[in-house]
Amino acid sequence: MFQSYHPVQFNAQMLDKLLSQGWFRGGNVMYQSKMLCLDEAVYSVVNIRSNLSVYSFPKRMRKLLNKNKKQFSYHIQPLEQITSEMEKLYQEQSQKFKGFVHSSLENYLFEGMQHNFFNTYELTVFEGNRLVAVSFFDMGDRSFASLLGLYDQAYKKYSLGIFTMLLEIEYALELDYEYYYPGYVFRGSNIFDYKLKIGQIEYYDWNGDWYPLKHIEQSEFPAQKLKTAFANIEAQLTICGISYQKFLYPYFSLGYASHLDVNFLNCLQFLQISDIYDYDKMLILSYNSKTDQFSLLEVRDHSSFGFLTNAGFSNDIKRSDAYFHKLLGVEQVIHETLDVEEMVTFIQRFFELFFRKKV
């Protein structure tokens, strides 16, 4: 469901390959994630791109591009330094970001890198001497990867976020590049759907293939499987009188970090079945959408590793009771099965044996 790659060395061909396999960049790391949580729900990640060999600007986008070129000046060059004006735009706009939020633009792009492994460019947009928008993109050998677009909120009516994407595409076409990757959208949420306005979008189906966006209904995405699986087992738990609480888990990615000594929990969502153990232990129920397997786990609070959770999350996550805010490690796997009824029956018997021992 989630993978990360920390490059020690990197080149343009490697970026092309990773982008074509559904990876995207954050800081100094390449990520591949099939699901993410937002607005107290889990959504499937849909990586998108435009095939520039057959691309033409939609009529509305061409009109926007030409109109804004008359209003603003722009400049494209390799990124040398992050200016105070760029940082100001980031701080203003980051207040509206949801999910993980980097503390600064420097951190967002480079995350402590002593050397930028990526061929990163900046696109600055000005009205007179005023910086009104900036975007950043990585150049591969045959691919462009759009990273971030920022704009002055006072100029919202000019659609400068779309404008910088269109300028990036125009620049890529001038250089005869093959693909433009604007990141991803969510299946079931329209928060990033503005990216689709550039037109002629392909999506990655997680089986290694890219298809026109109009065919997306033919693909199966993991978040829907997760939702259905939890709905089925929640119904059975309720029928059997077993209480539970459902949580989203923002620290799930730590469970995929192989260099850590603790077996941290790696699921985006779980059901807390009981806290009948010691004060720092509890039982949870997770589901793996890749294997269709339910797991009953004994987990422990690992708040002593709190330094690992210092990542900045937006206020909607920090304040929401839908998220579990303690860092959890898996102590043991108690039971695993593909069958909902079998798991619920096992939980019932487990509780019976537990309370029998307590008497």
Protein backbone atom coordinates (compact mmCIF):
# COMPACT_ATOMS: atom_id res chain seq x y z
CA MET A 1 0.00 0.00 0.00
CA PHE A 2 2.89 2.36 0.73
CA GLN A 3 6.54 2.48 -0.30
CA SER A 4 9.29 5.04 0.03
CA TYR A 5 12.66 5.37 -1.68
CA HIS A 6 15.49 7.53 -0.35
CA PRO A 7 17.88 8.04 -3.25
CA VAL A 8 21.60 8.11 -2.61
CA GLN A 9 22.19 9.00 -6.22
CA PHE A 10 19.69 9.83 -8.90
CA ASN A 11 19.44 10.61 -12.61
CA ALA A 12 16.84 11.75 -15.14
CA GLN A 13 16.15 8.26 -16.47
CA MET A 14 15.41 6.97 -12.96
CA LEU A 15 12.88 9.76 -12.44
CA ASP A 16 11.15 8.87 -15.72
CA LYS A 17 10.89 5.23 -14.68
CA LEU A 18 9.57 5.91 -11.18
CA LEU A 19 7.00 8.42 -12.40
CA SER A 20 5.73 5.88 -14.95
CA GLN A 21 5.23 3.40 -12.08
CA GLY A 22 3.09 5.66 -9.92
CA TRP A 23 5.74 7.28 -7.71
CA PHE A 24 5.78 10.95 -6.67
CA ARG A 25 8.25 13.13 -4.78
CA GLY A 26 7.96 14.74 -1.34
CA GLY A 27 11.09 16.42 0.05
CA ASN A 28 14.07 14.15 -0.56
CA VAL A 29 11.98 10.98 -0.86
CA MET A 30 10.08 9.27 -3.64
CA TYR A 31 6.73 7.81 -2.52
CA GLN A 32 4.24 5.31 -3.84
CA SER A 33 0.97 5.22 -1.94
CA LYS A 34 -2.28 3.58 -3.02
CA MET A 35 -4.41 5.19 -0.30
CA LEU A 36 -4.36 8.33 1.84
CA CYS A 37 -6.74 9.83 4.38
CA LEU A 38 -8.39 13.23 4.07
CA ASP A 39 -11.52 14.84 5.50
CA GLU A 40 -11.91 11.95 7.99
CA ALA A 41 -12.08 9.34 5.22
CA VAL A 42 -9.78 7.05 3.25
CA TYR A 43 -9.42 7.64 -0.49
CA SER A 44 -7.63 5.80 -3.28
CA VAL A 45 -4.72 7.66 -4.84
CA VAL A 46 -5.00 7.99 -8.62
CA ASN A 47 -1.75 9.04 -10.28
CA ILE A 48 -2.31 11.04 -13.45
CA ARG A 49 -0.34 12.32 -16.42
CA SER A 50 -0.76 13.88 -19.86
CA ASN A 51 0.84 12.30 -22.93
CA LEU A 52 2.44 15.32 -24.58
CA SER A 53 3.04 13.53 -27.88
CA VAL A 54 -0.69 13.86 -28.59
CA TYR A 55 -1.52 16.82 -26.34
CA SER A 56 -3.31 20.00 -27.35
CA PHE A 57 -4.63 22.68 -25.01
CA PRO A 58 -8.39 22.57 -24.44
CA LYS A 59 -10.07 25.68 -25.79
CA ARG A 60 -10.82 27.13 -22.33
CA MET A 61 -7.27 26.49 -21.16
CA ARG A 62 -5.78 28.12 -24.25
CA LYS A 63 -7.98 31.16 -23.61
CA LEU A 64 -6.85 31.33 -19.95
CA LEU A 65 -3.21 30.95 -20.98
CA ASN A 66 -3.35 33.74 -23.55
CA LYS A 67 -5.35 36.08 -21.31
CA ASN A 68 -2.99 35.76 -18.35
CA LYS A 69 0.10 36.14 -20.53
CA LYS A 70 -1.14 39.64 -21.35
CA GLN A 71 -1.69 40.44 -17.66
CA PHE A 72 1.48 38.93 -16.15
CA SER A 73 5.12 38.28 -16.94
CA TYR A 74 6.80 34.99 -16.13
CA HIS A 75 10.24 33.42 -15.99
CA ILE A 76 11.48 29.80 -15.96
CA GLN A 77 14.90 28.82 -14.65
CA PRO A 78 16.69 26.22 -12.52
CA LEU A 79 15.86 26.65 -8.84
CA GLU A 80 18.83 28.23 -7.10
CA GLN A 81 17.36 29.56 -3.89
CA ILE A 82 14.03 29.99 -2.13
CA THR A 83 13.29 33.67 -1.68
CA SER A 84 11.40 35.31 1.17
CA GLU A 85 8.61 36.16 -1.29
CA MET A 86 8.24 32.47 -2.22
CA GLU A 87 8.24 31.47 1.44
CA LYS A 88 5.54 34.06 2.19
CA LEU A 89 3.29 32.57 -0.50
CA TYR A 90 3.89 29.10 0.93
CA GLN A 91 3.05 30.10 4.50
CA GLU A 92 -0.16 31.84 3.40
CA GLN A 93 -1.34 28.95 1.24
CA SER A 94 -0.20 26.12 3.55
CA GLN A 95 -2.83 27.20 6.08
CA LYS A 96 -5.38 25.77 3.65
CA PHE A 97 -3.50 22.50 3.07
CA LYS A 98 -5.01 19.33 4.49
CA GLY A 99 -3.11 16.28 5.68
CA PHE A 100 0.65 16.45 6.15
CA VAL A 101 2.02 20.03 6.15
CA HIS A 102 5.73 20.86 5.94
CA SER A 103 6.87 23.72 8.15
CA SER A 104 8.53 25.63 5.32
CA LEU A 105 8.90 25.67 1.55
CA GLU A 106 12.56 24.66 1.96
CA ASN A 107 11.43 21.62 3.93
CA TYR A 108 8.70 20.81 1.41
CA LEU A 109 11.12 20.73 -1.52
CA PHE A 110 14.34 19.46 0.02
CA GLU A 111 13.66 18.22 3.58
CA GLY A 112 17.21 18.70 4.84
CA MET A 113 18.98 17.52 1.68
CA GLN A 114 22.58 18.73 1.51
CA HIS A 115 22.41 18.10 -2.22
CA ASN A 116 19.33 18.18 -4.44
CA PHE A 117 19.27 14.89 -6.36
CA PHE A 118 16.57 16.26 -8.65
CA ASN A 119 16.76 18.69 -11.57
CA THR A 120 14.32 21.19 -10.06
CA TYR A 121 13.09 24.30 -11.88
CA GLU A 122 11.10 27.32 -10.74
CA LEU A 123 8.43 29.18 -12.69
CA THR A 124 7.79 32.67 -11.31
CA VAL A 125 4.85 34.90 -12.28
CA PHE A 126 4.91 38.66 -11.71
CA GLU A 127 2.60 41.62 -11.95
CA GLY A 128 5.12 44.40 -12.27
CA ASN A 129 7.65 43.71 -9.52
CA ARG A 130 5.22 41.73 -7.38
CA LEU A 131 5.56 37.95 -7.22
CA VAL A 132 2.00 36.67 -7.57
CA ALA A 133 2.64 32.99 -8.24
CA VAL A 134 5.40 30.41 -8.34
CA SER A 135 5.53 26.73 -9.23
CA PHE A 136 8.24 24.09 -9.01
CA PHE A 137 8.83 21.06 -11.20
CA ASP A 138 11.43 18.32 -11.69
CA MET A 139 12.75 17.53 -15.15
CA GLY A 140 13.54 13.95 -16.05
CA ASP A 141 14.92 12.78 -19.36
CA ARG A 142 11.52 12.65 -21.10
CA SER A 143 9.16 13.61 -18.27
CA PHE A 144 8.10 16.67 -16.28
CA ALA A 145 6.91 16.21 -12.67
CA SER A 146 4.95 19.18 -11.30
CA LEU A 147 5.61 19.50 -7.56
CA LEU A 148 3.82 22.51 -6.15
CA GLY A 149 2.02 25.66 -7.23
CA LEU A 150 1.62 28.71 -5.00
CA TYR A 151 -0.20 31.95 -5.67
CA ASP A 152 -1.10 35.22 -3.96
CA GLN A 153 -4.62 34.82 -2.55
CA ALA A 154 -5.48 38.35 -3.71
CA TYR A 155 -5.18 37.08 -7.30
CA LYS A 156 -7.42 34.05 -6.91
CA LYS A 157 -9.76 35.08 -9.74
CA TYR A 158 -6.96 34.65 -12.28
CA SER A 159 -6.64 30.88 -11.69
CA LEU A 160 -2.89 31.22 -11.31
CA GLY A 161 -2.49 27.63 -10.08
CA ILE A 162 -3.89 26.38 -13.38
CA PHE A 163 -1.95 29.06 -15.26
CA THR A 164 1.42 27.85 -13.95
CA MET A 165 0.54 24.25 -14.88
CA LEU A 166 -0.30 25.38 -18.41
CA LEU A 167 3.00 27.27 -18.64
CA GLU A 168 4.84 24.16 -17.45
CA ILE A 169 3.13 22.10 -20.14
CA GLU A 170 3.93 24.72 -22.79
CA TYR A 171 7.59 24.67 -21.73
CA ALA A 172 7.66 20.85 -21.81
CA LEU A 173 6.17 20.89 -25.32
CA GLU A 174 8.81 23.37 -26.47
CA LEU A 175 11.51 20.97 -25.23
CA ASP A 176 9.78 18.01 -26.91
CA TYR A 177 9.16 16.10 -23.67
CA GLU A 178 6.81 13.10 -23.71
CA TYR A 179 4.93 13.18 -20.40
CA TYR A 180 3.69 15.72 -17.88
CA TYR A 181 2.91 14.42 -14.38
CA PRO A 182 0.80 16.77 -12.21
CA GLY A 183 0.76 14.35 -9.25
CA TYR A 184 -2.44 12.61 -8.23
CA VAL A 185 -6.13 13.03 -7.56
CA PHE A 186 -8.35 11.13 -5.12
CA ARG A 187 -10.99 8.61 -6.12
CA GLY A 188 -14.17 9.82 -4.45
CA SER A 189 -13.00 13.34 -3.55
CA ASN A 190 -12.74 16.36 -5.85
CA ILE A 191 -10.17 18.29 -3.79
CA PHE A 192 -7.47 17.89 -6.46
CA ASP A 193 -9.73 17.70 -9.50
CA TYR A 194 -8.58 21.12 -10.69
CA LYS A 195 -5.59 19.24 -12.16
CA LEU A 196 -7.95 17.51 -14.57
CA LYS A 197 -8.72 20.81 -16.27
CA ILE A 198 -5.49 20.63 -18.26
CA GLY A 199 -7.16 17.91 -20.35
CA GLN A 200 -6.22 14.64 -22.03
CA ILE A 201 -5.50 12.88 -18.74
CA GLU A 202 -4.32 9.31 -18.31
CA TYR A 203 -4.46 7.44 -14.99
CA TYR A 204 -2.34 4.66 -13.49
CA ASP A 205 -4.32 1.52 -12.60
CA TRP A 206 -1.70 0.01 -10.16
CA ASN A 207 -1.25 -2.99 -12.46
CA GLY A 208 1.47 -1.20 -14.41
CA ASP A 209 -0.74 0.31 -17.11
CA TRP A 210 -1.93 3.81 -18.02
CA TYR A 211 -5.40 4.37 -19.47
CA PRO A 212 -7.50 7.37 -20.58
CA LEU A 213 -9.33 8.84 -17.61
CA LYS A 214 -12.70 8.05 -19.20
CA HIS A 215 -12.00 4.34 -18.56
CA ILE A 216 -11.46 4.75 -14.82
CA GLU A 217 -14.74 3.05 -13.89
CA GLN A 218 -13.27 -0.21 -15.17
CA SER A 219 -10.49 -0.23 -12.55
CA GLU A 220 -10.71 -1.41 -8.97
CA PHE A 221 -9.16 0.82 -6.31
CA PRO A 222 -8.26 -0.26 -2.75
CA ALA A 223 -10.16 2.35 -0.72
CA GLN A 224 -13.52 1.00 -1.87
CA LYS A 225 -12.45 -2.52 -0.90
CA LEU A 226 -11.42 -1.20 2.51
CA LYS A 227 -14.74 0.57 3.00
CA THR A 228 -16.75 -2.50 2.01
CA ALA A 229 -14.68 -4.84 4.20
CA PHE A 230 -15.07 -2.67 7.29
CA ALA A 231 -18.79 -2.20 6.66
CA ASN A 232 -19.21 -6.00 6.54
CA ILE A 233 -17.28 -6.75 9.71
CA GLU A 234 -18.76 -3.79 11.62
CA ALA A 235 -22.24 -5.15 10.87
CA GLN A 236 -21.25 -8.57 12.25
CA LEU A 237 -19.62 -7.09 15.34
CA THR A 238 -22.79 -5.09 16.06
CA ILE A 239 -25.02 -8.16 15.64
CA CYS A 240 -22.83 -10.05 18.12
CA GLY A 241 -22.82 -7.19 20.62
CA ILE A 242 -19.09 -6.53 20.35
CA SER A 243 -18.34 -2.84 20.83
CA TYR A 244 -15.65 -1.04 18.84
CA GLN A 245 -14.37 2.36 17.77
CA LYS A 246 -13.15 3.17 14.28
CA PHE A 247 -10.05 5.31 13.82
CA LEU A 248 -7.94 6.70 11.03
CA TYR A 249 -4.23 6.36 11.75
CA PRO A 250 -1.99 9.20 10.43
CA TYR A 251 1.32 7.49 11.34
CA PHE A 252 0.76 4.43 9.16
CA SER A 253 3.77 5.14 6.93
CA LEU A 254 6.18 4.50 9.83
CA GLY A 255 5.12 0.86 9.66
CA TYR A 256 6.79 0.63 6.25
CA ALA A 257 10.16 1.98 7.43
CA SER A 258 12.42 -1.09 7.44
CA HIS A 259 15.25 0.65 9.31
CA LEU A 260 13.20 1.09 12.51
CA ASP A 261 13.54 -1.47 15.30
CA VAL A 262 9.90 -1.39 16.41
CA ASN A 263 7.19 -3.11 14.36
CA PHE A 264 5.03 0.00 14.02
CA LEU A 265 1.43 -0.32 12.90
CA ASN A 266 1.10 0.17 9.13
CA CYS A 267 -2.66 0.44 8.50
CA LEU A 268 -4.51 3.61 7.53
CA GLN A 269 -7.65 2.62 9.44
CA PHE A 270 -8.50 0.19 12.21
CA LEU A 271 -11.18 -0.82 14.69
CA GLN A 272 -10.28 -0.64 18.36
CA ILE A 273 -11.99 -3.72 19.79
CA SER A 274 -10.88 -3.51 23.40
CA ASP A 275 -8.45 -1.97 25.85
CA ILE A 276 -8.85 -4.77 28.39
CA TYR A 277 -5.11 -5.38 28.57
CA ASP A 278 -2.59 -3.25 30.45
CA TYR A 279 -3.06 0.49 30.29
CA ASP A 280 -0.76 0.84 27.25
CA LYS A 281 -2.08 -2.14 25.27
CA MET A 282 -5.22 -2.78 23.28
CA LEU A 283 -6.75 -5.04 20.65
CA ILE A 284 -7.36 -3.71 17.17
CA LEU A 285 -8.75 -5.13 13.95
CA SER A 286 -7.10 -4.19 10.65
CA TYR A 287 -7.74 -5.10 7.02
CA ASN A 288 -5.27 -5.58 4.15
CA SER A 289 -6.90 -4.62 0.85
CA LYS A 290 -4.16 -6.37 -1.12
CA THR A 291 -4.65 -9.80 0.49
CA ASP A 292 -8.30 -9.31 1.62
CA GLN A 293 -7.16 -10.44 5.06
CA PHE A 294 -8.42 -9.31 8.47
CA SER A 295 -5.92 -9.26 11.34
CA LEU A 296 -6.58 -9.16 15.07
CA LEU A 297 -3.56 -7.46 16.61
CA GLU A 298 -2.28 -6.71 20.07
CA VAL A 299 -0.71 -3.26 19.93
CA ARG A 300 1.16 -1.12 22.43
CA ASP A 301 1.46 2.62 22.88
CA HIS A 302 4.96 3.69 21.81
CA SER A 303 4.74 7.38 22.70
CA SER A 304 8.37 7.19 23.85
CA PHE A 305 9.16 7.36 20.12
CA GLY A 306 7.24 10.61 19.88
CA PHE A 307 10.10 12.30 18.04
CA LEU A 308 9.04 10.22 15.02
CA THR A 309 5.61 11.85 15.03
CA ASN A 310 6.78 15.44 15.00
CA ALA A 311 5.61 15.69 11.39
CA GLY A 312 3.30 18.63 10.90
CA PHE A 313 -0.31 17.68 10.31
CA SER A 314 -2.98 20.22 9.44
CA ASN A 315 -5.35 21.39 12.15
CA ASP A 316 -8.26 19.37 10.77
CA ILE A 317 -6.32 16.20 11.64
CA LYS A 318 -4.93 17.43 14.97
CA ARG A 319 -8.38 18.40 16.26
CA SER A 320 -10.40 15.49 14.92
CA ASP A 321 -11.53 12.58 17.09
CA ALA A 322 -11.66 10.44 13.95
CA TYR A 323 -7.87 10.07 14.11
CA PHE A 324 -5.87 8.02 16.61
CA HIS A 325 -3.08 10.30 17.78
CA LYS A 326 -0.77 7.90 19.64
CA LEU A 327 2.04 5.98 17.98
CA LEU A 328 1.34 2.24 18.02
CA GLY A 329 3.59 -0.81 17.69
CA VAL A 330 2.39 -4.34 16.98
CA GLU A 331 3.19 -6.72 19.85
CA GLN A 332 1.69 -9.82 18.27
CA VAL A 333 -0.65 -11.04 15.56
CA ILE A 334 -3.39 -12.97 17.39
CA HIS A 335 -5.43 -14.18 14.45
CA GLU A 336 -5.71 -13.68 10.68
CA THR A 337 -8.41 -14.77 8.28
CA LEU A 338 -10.13 -13.88 5.01
CA ASP A 339 -13.55 -14.67 6.46
CA VAL A 340 -15.60 -12.03 8.33
CA GLU A 341 -17.73 -14.46 10.31
CA GLU A 342 -14.72 -16.53 11.32
CA MET A 343 -12.96 -13.44 12.68
CA VAL A 344 -15.98 -12.31 14.68
CA THR A 345 -16.45 -15.82 16.10
CA PHE A 346 -12.78 -15.91 17.08
CA ILE A 347 -13.09 -12.54 18.86
CA GLN A 348 -16.10 -13.79 20.81
CA ARG A 349 -14.22 -16.91 21.96
CA PHE A 350 -11.11 -14.88 22.72
CA PHE A 351 -13.06 -12.61 25.04
CA GLU A 352 -14.73 -15.59 26.73
CA LEU A 353 -11.35 -17.19 27.47
CA PHE A 354 -9.87 -13.91 28.61
CA PHE A 355 -12.59 -13.14 31.11
CA ARG A 356 -12.61 -16.75 32.31
CA LYS A 357 -8.94 -16.38 33.20
CA LYS A 358 -9.62 -13.07 34.97
CA VAL A 359 -12.25 -14.64 37.30
